[in-house]
């Protein structure tokens, strides 16, 4: 997997995807504690769990130069969530793979931010990381996330049971989507 010596920052028309800052922790904890934001995950996160997740995410960016970037609005530098890429070496039957993922505060839904940021991440994955494929997955109940996958050109591959969710849990069944490097 390609690594960069310094963390990468991506920009779109309205967004900056960047390494995490200490000031992101509180709004990140708030979105992770929001039952609406977390309804497609087994449970909301405590402040301690949220901070640990942000630290783990940033450690991958520090190591590789890329990962699940913090997303801020260009107009006011407000943290609104994350979007990015994560290498999954062995967790799934479709691993190794690189996944794209996102999570946004509720007040920033339905404004095209996830799609805009995800497209920038796909461009980075194919042009800079030289990946041949990127995958995304979500609980079958998460129609909004599935629609983002479709808007960025991903195609349905299969349903699967997430290995970290109890197979009897209502969120165990997930959808897998994929996109291959565009041919020129």
Protein backbone atom coordinates (compact mmCIF):
# COMPACT_ATOMS: atom_id res chain seq x y z
CA UNK A 1 0.00 0.00 0.00
CA UNK A 2 1.41 3.36 -1.04
CA UNK A 3 2.52 5.66 1.78
CA UNK A 4 3.24 9.37 1.71
CA UNK A 5 5.89 11.12 3.82
CA UNK A 6 3.49 13.79 5.01
CA UNK A 7 -0.28 13.74 5.47
CA UNK A 8 -2.32 14.46 2.37
CA UNK A 9 -5.07 17.07 2.29
CA UNK A 10 -7.79 17.01 -0.38
CA UNK A 11 -10.01 19.89 -1.46
CA UNK A 12 -13.30 20.03 -3.30
CA UNK A 13 -15.46 22.99 -4.27
CA UNK A 14 -16.94 23.23 -0.77
CA UNK A 15 -14.86 20.97 1.47
CA UNK A 16 -11.40 20.36 2.88
CA UNK A 17 -10.47 16.77 3.77
CA UNK A 18 -7.56 16.98 6.19
CA UNK A 19 -5.76 15.34 9.11
CA UNK A 20 -7.58 15.51 12.42
CA UNK A 21 -7.15 18.31 14.99
CA UNK A 22 -7.82 18.35 18.72
CA UNK A 23 -10.71 20.74 18.06
CA UNK A 24 -12.47 17.99 16.04
CA UNK A 25 -12.86 15.71 19.05
CA UNK A 26 -15.87 17.41 20.66
CA UNK A 27 -18.02 17.72 17.51
CA UNK A 28 -16.96 14.17 16.53
CA UNK A 29 -18.08 12.88 19.94
CA UNK A 30 -21.39 14.71 19.53
CA UNK A 31 -22.12 13.12 16.16
CA UNK A 32 -21.05 9.67 17.44
CA UNK A 33 -23.42 10.06 20.42
CA UNK A 34 -26.35 11.06 18.20
CA UNK A 35 -28.77 8.09 17.93
CA UNK A 36 -29.88 9.24 14.46
CA UNK A 37 -26.31 9.34 13.13
CA UNK A 38 -25.51 5.97 14.72
CA UNK A 39 -28.77 4.15 13.96
CA UNK A 40 -27.01 1.91 11.41
CA UNK A 41 -24.30 0.95 13.91
CA UNK A 42 -24.72 -1.37 16.91
CA UNK A 43 -24.73 1.56 19.35
CA UNK A 44 -23.74 5.21 19.79
CA UNK A 45 -20.24 5.85 21.10
CA UNK A 46 -19.25 7.32 24.43
CA UNK A 47 -16.87 10.31 24.48
CA UNK A 48 -14.01 7.94 25.42
CA UNK A 49 -14.86 5.56 22.55
CA UNK A 50 -15.21 8.45 20.10
CA UNK A 51 -11.87 9.98 21.13
CA UNK A 52 -10.19 6.57 20.80
CA UNK A 53 -11.67 6.14 17.31
CA UNK A 54 -10.44 9.59 16.23
CA UNK A 55 -6.98 8.79 17.59
CA UNK A 56 -6.91 5.45 15.73
CA UNK A 57 -8.07 7.12 12.50
CA UNK A 58 -5.43 9.85 12.80
CA UNK A 59 -2.72 7.24 13.51
CA UNK A 60 -3.38 5.71 10.07
CA UNK A 61 -3.14 9.15 8.45
CA UNK A 62 0.11 9.84 10.33
CA UNK A 63 1.52 6.48 9.19
CA UNK A 64 0.33 6.40 5.57
CA UNK A 65 -0.51 10.03 4.77
CA UNK A 66 -4.13 9.12 3.99
CA UNK A 67 -7.14 7.54 5.69
CA UNK A 68 -10.51 8.68 7.02
CA UNK A 69 -9.94 12.42 6.76
CA UNK A 70 -11.72 14.99 8.91
CA UNK A 71 -14.03 17.03 6.67
CA UNK A 72 -14.53 20.74 7.19
CA UNK A 73 -16.53 23.33 5.31
CA UNK A 74 -14.33 25.73 3.34
CA UNK A 75 -16.64 28.66 4.07
CA UNK A 76 -16.18 28.57 7.86
CA UNK A 77 -13.69 25.77 8.70
CA UNK A 78 -16.41 23.90 10.63
CA UNK A 79 -15.81 20.16 11.22
CA UNK A 80 -18.80 18.25 9.82
CA UNK A 81 -17.67 14.60 9.84
CA UNK A 82 -15.27 12.33 8.01
CA UNK A 83 -14.79 10.70 4.64
CA UNK A 84 -11.87 8.66 3.44
CA UNK A 85 -10.16 5.41 2.70
CA UNK A 86 -9.10 2.54 4.93
CA UNK A 87 -7.11 -0.57 4.05
CA UNK A 88 -8.79 -3.77 5.28
CA UNK A 89 -6.08 -6.44 5.18
CA UNK A 90 -7.94 -9.49 6.52
CA UNK A 91 -11.24 -8.78 8.26
CA UNK A 92 -13.60 -9.86 5.46
CA UNK A 93 -13.91 -12.68 2.94
CA UNK A 94 -13.33 -10.01 0.27
CA UNK A 95 -10.12 -8.74 1.93
CA UNK A 96 -7.53 -7.51 1.32
CA UNK A 97 -9.30 -4.42 0.08
CA UNK A 98 -9.46 -0.67 0.50
CA UNK A 99 -12.79 0.68 1.69
CA UNK A 100 -14.26 4.12 1.36
CA UNK A 101 -16.45 5.36 4.19
CA UNK A 102 -18.11 8.45 5.63
CA UNK A 103 -20.01 9.73 8.65
CA UNK A 104 -21.53 13.20 9.02
CA UNK A 105 -23.30 15.23 11.69
CA UNK A 106 -27.05 15.18 11.08
CA UNK A 107 -27.32 18.90 10.33
CA UNK A 108 -25.05 18.34 7.31
CA UNK A 109 -27.05 15.52 5.71
CA UNK A 110 -28.82 15.93 2.35
CA UNK A 111 -26.47 18.63 1.10
CA UNK A 112 -24.26 16.47 -1.12
CA UNK A 113 -21.21 16.63 1.15
CA UNK A 114 -20.72 12.85 1.44
CA UNK A 115 -20.93 12.43 -2.33
CA UNK A 116 -18.61 15.36 -3.02
CA UNK A 117 -15.98 14.20 -0.53
CA UNK A 118 -16.27 10.54 -1.55
CA UNK A 119 -15.69 11.41 -5.21
CA UNK A 120 -12.50 13.26 -4.24
CA UNK A 121 -11.39 10.19 -2.28
CA UNK A 122 -12.04 7.89 -5.23
CA UNK A 123 -10.03 10.19 -7.50
CA UNK A 124 -7.19 10.05 -4.96
CA UNK A 125 -7.47 6.25 -4.67
CA UNK A 126 -7.20 5.68 -8.41
CA UNK A 127 -4.83 8.50 -9.39
CA UNK A 128 -2.46 8.71 -6.40
CA UNK A 129 -2.69 5.32 -4.68
CA UNK A 130 -2.96 3.53 -8.03
CA UNK A 131 -5.63 1.19 -6.68
CA UNK A 132 -7.57 -1.04 -9.05
CA UNK A 133 -10.67 -1.28 -6.85
CA UNK A 134 -12.34 0.41 -3.89
CA UNK A 135 -15.18 -1.13 -1.88
CA UNK A 136 -17.84 0.24 0.45
CA UNK A 137 -20.21 -1.52 2.78
CA UNK A 138 -23.04 -0.65 5.10
CA UNK A 139 -25.92 -2.23 6.97
CA UNK A 140 -28.76 -3.17 4.63
CA UNK A 141 -30.95 -0.67 6.49
CA UNK A 142 -28.70 2.28 5.59
CA UNK A 143 -30.36 3.41 2.37
CA UNK A 144 -28.84 6.94 2.47
CA UNK A 145 -25.31 5.52 2.52
CA UNK A 146 -26.18 3.05 -0.23
CA UNK A 147 -27.42 5.97 -2.36
CA UNK A 148 -24.07 7.75 -1.92
CA UNK A 149 -22.34 4.57 -3.12
CA UNK A 150 -24.54 4.54 -6.21
CA UNK A 151 -24.06 8.27 -6.90
CA UNK A 152 -20.27 7.86 -6.95
CA UNK A 153 -20.54 5.04 -9.49
CA UNK A 154 -20.23 2.01 -7.24
CA UNK A 155 -22.07 -1.21 -8.08
CA UNK A 156 -23.72 -3.76 -5.81
CA UNK A 157 -21.66 -6.93 -5.30
CA UNK A 158 -23.38 -8.97 -2.57
CA UNK A 159 -24.90 -9.13 0.89
CA UNK A 160 -22.77 -10.46 3.76
CA UNK A 161 -22.83 -10.84 7.54
CA UNK A 162 -20.44 -8.36 9.17
CA UNK A 163 -17.92 -10.38 11.22
CA UNK A 164 -17.86 -7.84 14.07
CA UNK A 165 -21.64 -7.82 14.54
CA UNK A 166 -23.49 -10.71 16.18
CA UNK A 167 -25.15 -12.68 13.37
CA UNK A 168 -28.55 -12.38 15.11
CA UNK A 169 -28.32 -8.58 15.42
CA UNK A 170 -30.65 -6.65 13.07
CA UNK A 171 -27.61 -4.75 11.69
CA UNK A 172 -25.53 -7.87 10.96
CA UNK A 173 -26.49 -8.08 7.30
CA UNK A 174 -24.49 -5.68 5.14
CA UNK A 175 -24.33 -4.67 1.49
CA UNK A 176 -21.02 -4.70 -0.37
CA UNK A 177 -20.47 -2.26 -3.23
CA UNK A 178 -17.40 -1.88 -5.44
CA UNK A 179 -15.93 0.37 -8.09
CA UNK A 180 -12.99 -0.40 -10.35
CA UNK A 181 -10.41 2.00 -11.68
CA UNK A 182 -11.85 3.81 -14.70
CA UNK A 183 -10.35 2.73 -17.99
CA UNK A 184 -8.93 5.51 -20.07
